[in-house]
Amino acid sequence: MKINIKATNLELTSAIKNYIEKKIGSLEKFLKKIEAQSEIEAYVEISKITRHHHKGEVFYAELNLNLPHKLLRLEEKSTNLYSAIDMLKDKARAQISKIKSKTNLRKPK
C-alpha cells in the first residue's frame, strides 16, 4: 500500500509521518485480498483547523483509500493529533470489514 501524506497549517515532522505510516500501514493486513487485485493508495491529510483556535476540536485527519471500484473517505477531528489519527484508523478498519463482509455475501463459494 502506498501512503501519501499532506499537512496543512502544521509542520509534518518525521515523528508524525512515522506514526501515520505505522497506523495507516497496519490496515494493509485487512486489505490483502483486495490489494492482490491492484495497488491500493492511501491519501492522508492532517491539519490544524485554525491558527487561533485553542479549545475544542483543533486537529483534523482525513483518509482517502482508493480501493478497486470504490473510494473510502473518512475524517476525524480531535483535540490531539495522534488521537485523531487513531480514531481514523479504527473507523477505517470498521469500514473495510463492512465492505469485505458485503462482498463475501455476494460471491458464491
N, C-alpha and C. Protein backbone atom coordinates (compact mmCIF):
# COMPACT_ATOMS: atom_id res chain seq x y z
N MET A 1 0.85 -1.17 0.00
CA MET A 1 0.00 0.00 0.00
C MET A 1 0.89 1.23 0.00
N LYS A 2 0.54 2.17 -0.85
CA LYS A 2 1.28 3.42 -0.95
C LYS A 2 0.54 4.48 -0.13
N ILE A 3 1.27 5.18 0.75
CA ILE A 3 0.67 6.18 1.62
C ILE A 3 1.23 7.56 1.26
N ASN A 4 0.34 8.48 0.89
CA ASN A 4 0.70 9.87 0.62
C ASN A 4 0.18 10.73 1.76
N ILE A 5 1.04 11.59 2.30
CA ILE A 5 0.68 12.40 3.47
C ILE A 5 0.80 13.88 3.12
N LYS A 6 -0.21 14.64 3.53
CA LYS A 6 -0.21 16.08 3.32
C LYS A 6 -0.52 16.74 4.66
N ALA A 7 0.21 17.79 5.01
CA ALA A 7 -0.03 18.54 6.25
C ALA A 7 -0.40 19.97 5.90
N THR A 8 -1.45 20.48 6.55
CA THR A 8 -1.91 21.84 6.32
C THR A 8 -1.93 22.58 7.66
N ASN A 9 -1.36 23.76 7.68
CA ASN A 9 -1.31 24.61 8.87
C ASN A 9 -0.53 24.01 10.04
N LEU A 10 0.30 23.02 9.77
CA LEU A 10 1.21 22.48 10.78
C LEU A 10 2.39 21.82 10.08
N GLU A 11 3.46 21.66 10.81
CA GLU A 11 4.67 21.07 10.24
C GLU A 11 4.61 19.55 10.31
N LEU A 12 4.92 18.91 9.20
CA LEU A 12 4.94 17.45 9.15
C LEU A 12 6.32 16.99 9.61
N THR A 13 6.41 16.63 10.87
CA THR A 13 7.67 16.16 11.42
C THR A 13 7.85 14.68 11.09
N SER A 14 9.05 14.19 11.27
CA SER A 14 9.30 12.78 10.99
C SER A 14 8.55 11.89 11.98
N ALA A 15 8.36 12.36 13.22
CA ALA A 15 7.61 11.58 14.21
C ALA A 15 6.15 11.41 13.79
N ILE A 16 5.54 12.49 13.32
CA ILE A 16 4.15 12.43 12.86
C ILE A 16 4.05 11.54 11.62
N LYS A 17 4.98 11.70 10.71
CA LYS A 17 4.98 10.91 9.48
C LYS A 17 5.12 9.42 9.79
N ASN A 18 6.04 9.07 10.68
CA ASN A 18 6.23 7.67 11.05
C ASN A 18 4.99 7.11 11.75
N TYR A 19 4.36 7.92 12.60
CA TYR A 19 3.15 7.49 13.30
C TYR A 19 2.02 7.19 12.31
N ILE A 20 1.83 8.07 11.34
CA ILE A 20 0.79 7.87 10.32
C ILE A 20 1.09 6.62 9.51
N GLU A 21 2.33 6.45 9.08
CA GLU A 21 2.70 5.28 8.29
C GLU A 21 2.50 3.99 9.07
N LYS A 22 2.77 4.03 10.38
CA LYS A 22 2.59 2.85 11.22
C LYS A 22 1.11 2.52 11.37
N LYS A 23 0.30 3.52 11.70
CA LYS A 23 -1.13 3.28 11.95
C LYS A 23 -1.89 2.95 10.68
N ILE A 24 -1.73 3.74 9.64
CA ILE A 24 -2.46 3.51 8.39
C ILE A 24 -1.88 2.28 7.68
N GLY A 25 -0.58 2.06 7.80
CA GLY A 25 0.04 0.88 7.21
C GLY A 25 -0.46 -0.41 7.83
N SER A 26 -0.93 -0.34 9.10
CA SER A 26 -1.45 -1.54 9.75
C SER A 26 -2.77 -2.00 9.12
N LEU A 27 -3.42 -1.13 8.36
CA LEU A 27 -4.65 -1.51 7.66
C LEU A 27 -4.38 -2.47 6.50
N GLU A 28 -3.13 -2.54 6.09
CA GLU A 28 -2.76 -3.36 4.94
C GLU A 28 -3.10 -4.83 5.14
N LYS A 29 -2.99 -5.32 6.38
CA LYS A 29 -3.29 -6.73 6.63
C LYS A 29 -4.78 -7.05 6.41
N PHE A 30 -5.65 -6.04 6.53
CA PHE A 30 -7.07 -6.24 6.27
C PHE A 30 -7.39 -6.15 4.78
N LEU A 31 -6.45 -5.62 4.02
CA LEU A 31 -6.67 -5.39 2.59
C LEU A 31 -5.92 -6.36 1.69
N LYS A 32 -5.39 -7.44 2.24
CA LYS A 32 -4.56 -8.36 1.45
C LYS A 32 -5.28 -8.90 0.23
N LYS A 33 -6.51 -9.39 0.38
CA LYS A 33 -7.24 -9.95 -0.76
C LYS A 33 -7.58 -8.87 -1.77
N ILE A 34 -7.93 -7.70 -1.28
CA ILE A 34 -8.28 -6.60 -2.16
C ILE A 34 -7.05 -6.09 -2.89
N GLU A 35 -5.92 -6.02 -2.17
CA GLU A 35 -4.69 -5.49 -2.76
C GLU A 35 -4.10 -6.44 -3.79
N ALA A 36 -4.45 -7.71 -3.74
CA ALA A 36 -3.96 -8.65 -4.73
C ALA A 36 -4.47 -8.29 -6.13
N GLN A 37 -5.64 -7.63 -6.18
CA GLN A 37 -6.22 -7.23 -7.46
C GLN A 37 -5.49 -6.02 -8.05
N SER A 38 -5.18 -5.04 -7.22
CA SER A 38 -4.48 -3.84 -7.69
C SER A 38 -3.85 -3.11 -6.51
N GLU A 39 -2.93 -2.21 -6.81
CA GLU A 39 -2.24 -1.43 -5.79
C GLU A 39 -3.21 -0.46 -5.13
N ILE A 40 -3.21 -0.44 -3.81
CA ILE A 40 -4.09 0.46 -3.07
C ILE A 40 -3.29 1.68 -2.65
N GLU A 41 -3.89 2.86 -2.85
CA GLU A 41 -3.26 4.10 -2.45
C GLU A 41 -4.06 4.74 -1.33
N ALA A 42 -3.35 5.22 -0.32
CA ALA A 42 -3.98 5.91 0.80
C ALA A 42 -3.48 7.35 0.80
N TYR A 43 -4.41 8.27 0.84
CA TYR A 43 -4.09 9.69 0.92
C TYR A 43 -4.53 10.18 2.29
N VAL A 44 -3.57 10.65 3.07
CA VAL A 44 -3.85 11.12 4.43
C VAL A 44 -3.56 12.61 4.48
N GLU A 45 -4.52 13.37 4.99
CA GLU A 45 -4.30 14.80 5.20
C GLU A 45 -4.54 15.09 6.66
N ILE A 46 -3.57 15.77 7.27
CA ILE A 46 -3.71 16.22 8.65
C ILE A 46 -3.61 17.73 8.65
N SER A 47 -4.34 18.36 9.55
CA SER A 47 -4.27 19.81 9.60
C SER A 47 -4.69 20.32 10.96
N LYS A 48 -4.26 21.53 11.21
CA LYS A 48 -4.73 22.27 12.36
C LYS A 48 -5.83 23.16 11.80
N ILE A 49 -7.03 23.05 12.35
CA ILE A 49 -8.19 23.69 11.74
C ILE A 49 -8.02 25.20 11.62
N THR A 50 -7.66 25.86 12.70
CA THR A 50 -7.39 27.29 12.64
C THR A 50 -6.16 27.60 13.47
N ARG A 51 -5.56 28.72 13.19
CA ARG A 51 -4.35 29.10 13.93
C ARG A 51 -4.68 29.70 15.30
N HIS A 52 -5.84 30.32 15.46
CA HIS A 52 -6.16 30.97 16.72
C HIS A 52 -7.03 30.11 17.63
N HIS A 53 -7.47 28.97 17.16
CA HIS A 53 -8.36 28.09 17.91
C HIS A 53 -7.57 27.38 19.00
N HIS A 54 -7.95 27.54 20.25
CA HIS A 54 -7.19 26.93 21.34
C HIS A 54 -7.97 25.89 22.12
N LYS A 55 -9.30 25.87 21.99
CA LYS A 55 -10.11 24.92 22.73
C LYS A 55 -10.98 24.13 21.75
N GLY A 56 -11.37 22.94 22.19
CA GLY A 56 -12.24 22.13 21.34
C GLY A 56 -11.46 21.32 20.33
N GLU A 57 -12.13 20.97 19.24
CA GLU A 57 -11.52 20.12 18.22
C GLU A 57 -10.62 20.96 17.33
N VAL A 58 -9.32 20.86 17.56
CA VAL A 58 -8.35 21.69 16.87
C VAL A 58 -7.71 20.96 15.69
N PHE A 59 -7.55 19.64 15.79
CA PHE A 59 -6.86 18.88 14.76
C PHE A 59 -7.83 18.06 13.92
N TYR A 60 -7.49 17.92 12.66
CA TYR A 60 -8.33 17.26 11.67
C TYR A 60 -7.48 16.23 10.93
N ALA A 61 -8.01 15.03 10.76
CA ALA A 61 -7.33 13.99 10.00
C ALA A 61 -8.31 13.40 9.00
N GLU A 62 -7.87 13.23 7.76
CA GLU A 62 -8.72 12.71 6.69
C GLU A 62 -7.98 11.59 5.98
N LEU A 63 -8.71 10.55 5.62
CA LEU A 63 -8.14 9.41 4.91
C LEU A 63 -8.98 9.11 3.68
N ASN A 64 -8.33 9.00 2.54
CA ASN A 64 -8.97 8.58 1.29
C ASN A 64 -8.26 7.31 0.84
N LEU A 65 -8.99 6.21 0.77
CA LEU A 65 -8.45 4.94 0.31
C LEU A 65 -9.04 4.62 -1.04
N ASN A 66 -8.18 4.48 -2.04
CA ASN A 66 -8.62 4.11 -3.38
C ASN A 66 -8.63 2.59 -3.50
N LEU A 67 -9.81 2.01 -3.27
CA LEU A 67 -9.99 0.58 -3.41
C LEU A 67 -10.51 0.30 -4.82
N PRO A 68 -10.36 -0.93 -5.31
CA PRO A 68 -10.92 -1.24 -6.64
C PRO A 68 -12.43 -1.01 -6.65
N HIS A 69 -12.88 -0.17 -7.54
CA HIS A 69 -14.29 0.15 -7.74
C HIS A 69 -14.92 0.89 -6.57
N LYS A 70 -14.13 1.45 -5.66
CA LYS A 70 -14.69 2.15 -4.51
C LYS A 70 -13.67 3.12 -3.93
N LEU A 71 -14.17 4.28 -3.50
CA LEU A 71 -13.35 5.25 -2.79
C LEU A 71 -13.88 5.32 -1.37
N LEU A 72 -13.01 5.06 -0.41
CA LEU A 72 -13.38 5.13 1.00
C LEU A 72 -12.82 6.42 1.57
N ARG A 73 -13.70 7.31 2.03
CA ARG A 73 -13.28 8.61 2.55
C ARG A 73 -13.76 8.75 3.98
N LEU A 74 -12.82 9.00 4.89
CA LEU A 74 -13.13 9.13 6.31
C LEU A 74 -12.45 10.36 6.88
N GLU A 75 -13.06 10.95 7.90
CA GLU A 75 -12.45 12.10 8.55
C GLU A 75 -12.75 12.09 10.04
N GLU A 76 -11.83 12.67 10.80
CA GLU A 76 -11.97 12.76 12.25
C GLU A 76 -11.41 14.08 12.74
N LYS A 77 -11.99 14.59 13.83
CA LYS A 77 -11.49 15.80 14.50
C LYS A 77 -11.26 15.46 15.96
N SER A 78 -10.23 16.09 16.53
CA SER A 78 -9.92 15.83 17.93
C SER A 78 -9.07 16.95 18.51
N THR A 79 -8.94 16.95 19.81
CA THR A 79 -8.08 17.94 20.47
C THR A 79 -6.61 17.54 20.38
N ASN A 80 -6.35 16.28 20.03
CA ASN A 80 -4.99 15.77 19.94
C ASN A 80 -4.81 15.15 18.54
N LEU A 81 -3.74 15.49 17.87
CA LEU A 81 -3.48 15.00 16.52
C LEU A 81 -3.36 13.47 16.49
N TYR A 82 -2.64 12.92 17.45
CA TYR A 82 -2.42 11.47 17.47
C TYR A 82 -3.72 10.71 17.73
N SER A 83 -4.59 11.25 18.58
CA SER A 83 -5.86 10.57 18.82
C SER A 83 -6.77 10.67 17.60
N ALA A 84 -6.69 11.76 16.85
CA ALA A 84 -7.46 11.88 15.61
C ALA A 84 -7.02 10.82 14.61
N ILE A 85 -5.71 10.57 14.53
CA ILE A 85 -5.18 9.54 13.63
C ILE A 85 -5.63 8.15 14.09
N ASP A 86 -5.60 7.91 15.41
CA ASP A 86 -6.04 6.62 15.95
C ASP A 86 -7.52 6.37 15.66
N MET A 87 -8.36 7.38 15.87
CA MET A 87 -9.79 7.24 15.61
C MET A 87 -10.05 7.00 14.12
N LEU A 88 -9.25 7.65 13.28
CA LEU A 88 -9.37 7.49 11.84
C LEU A 88 -9.04 6.05 11.43
N LYS A 89 -8.00 5.50 12.02
CA LYS A 89 -7.61 4.12 11.72
C LYS A 89 -8.69 3.14 12.16
N ASP A 90 -9.25 3.36 13.34
CA ASP A 90 -10.30 2.47 13.84
C ASP A 90 -11.54 2.53 12.97
N LYS A 91 -11.89 3.73 12.55
CA LYS A 91 -13.06 3.90 11.68
C LYS A 91 -12.82 3.24 10.33
N ALA A 92 -11.60 3.36 9.80
CA ALA A 92 -11.27 2.75 8.51
C ALA A 92 -11.32 1.22 8.61
N ARG A 93 -10.82 0.68 9.70
CA ARG A 93 -10.84 -0.76 9.89
C ARG A 93 -12.27 -1.30 9.93
N ALA A 94 -13.16 -0.57 10.59
CA ALA A 94 -14.56 -0.98 10.65
C ALA A 94 -15.21 -0.93 9.27
N GLN A 95 -14.91 0.11 8.51
CA GLN A 95 -15.49 0.24 7.17
C GLN A 95 -14.97 -0.84 6.22
N ILE A 96 -13.68 -1.16 6.33
CA ILE A 96 -13.09 -2.21 5.49
C ILE A 96 -13.73 -3.55 5.81
N SER A 97 -13.93 -3.84 7.09
CA SER A 97 -14.58 -5.10 7.48
C SER A 97 -16.00 -5.16 6.94
N LYS A 98 -16.69 -4.04 6.98
CA LYS A 98 -18.06 -3.98 6.46
C LYS A 98 -18.09 -4.25 4.95
N ILE A 99 -17.15 -3.65 4.23
CA ILE A 99 -17.06 -3.84 2.78
C ILE A 99 -16.73 -5.29 2.46
N LYS A 100 -15.77 -5.87 3.21
CA LYS A 100 -15.39 -7.25 2.96
C LYS A 100 -16.54 -8.21 3.24
N SER A 101 -17.32 -7.96 4.28
CA SER A 101 -18.42 -8.86 4.59
C SER A 101 -19.52 -8.77 3.53
N LYS A 102 -19.75 -7.59 3.00
CA LYS A 102 -20.75 -7.45 1.94
C LYS A 102 -20.32 -8.17 0.67
N THR A 103 -19.04 -8.07 0.31
CA THR A 103 -18.58 -8.72 -0.91
C THR A 103 -18.53 -10.23 -0.73
N ASN A 104 -18.26 -10.72 0.48
CA ASN A 104 -18.25 -12.16 0.73
C ASN A 104 -19.65 -12.75 0.64
N LEU A 105 -20.66 -11.97 1.00
CA LEU A 105 -22.04 -12.45 0.90
C LEU A 105 -22.49 -12.61 -0.54
N ARG A 106 -21.99 -11.80 -1.41
CA ARG A 106 -22.42 -11.82 -2.80
C ARG A 106 -21.76 -12.92 -3.61
N LYS A 107 -20.55 -13.30 -3.27
CA LYS A 107 -19.83 -14.29 -4.05
C LYS A 107 -20.21 -15.69 -3.64
N PRO A 108 -20.56 -16.57 -4.58
CA PRO A 108 -20.86 -17.95 -4.24
C PRO A 108 -19.57 -18.70 -3.92
N LYS A 109 -19.68 -19.68 -3.04
CA LYS A 109 -18.49 -20.44 -2.63
C LYS A 109 -18.22 -21.59 -3.53
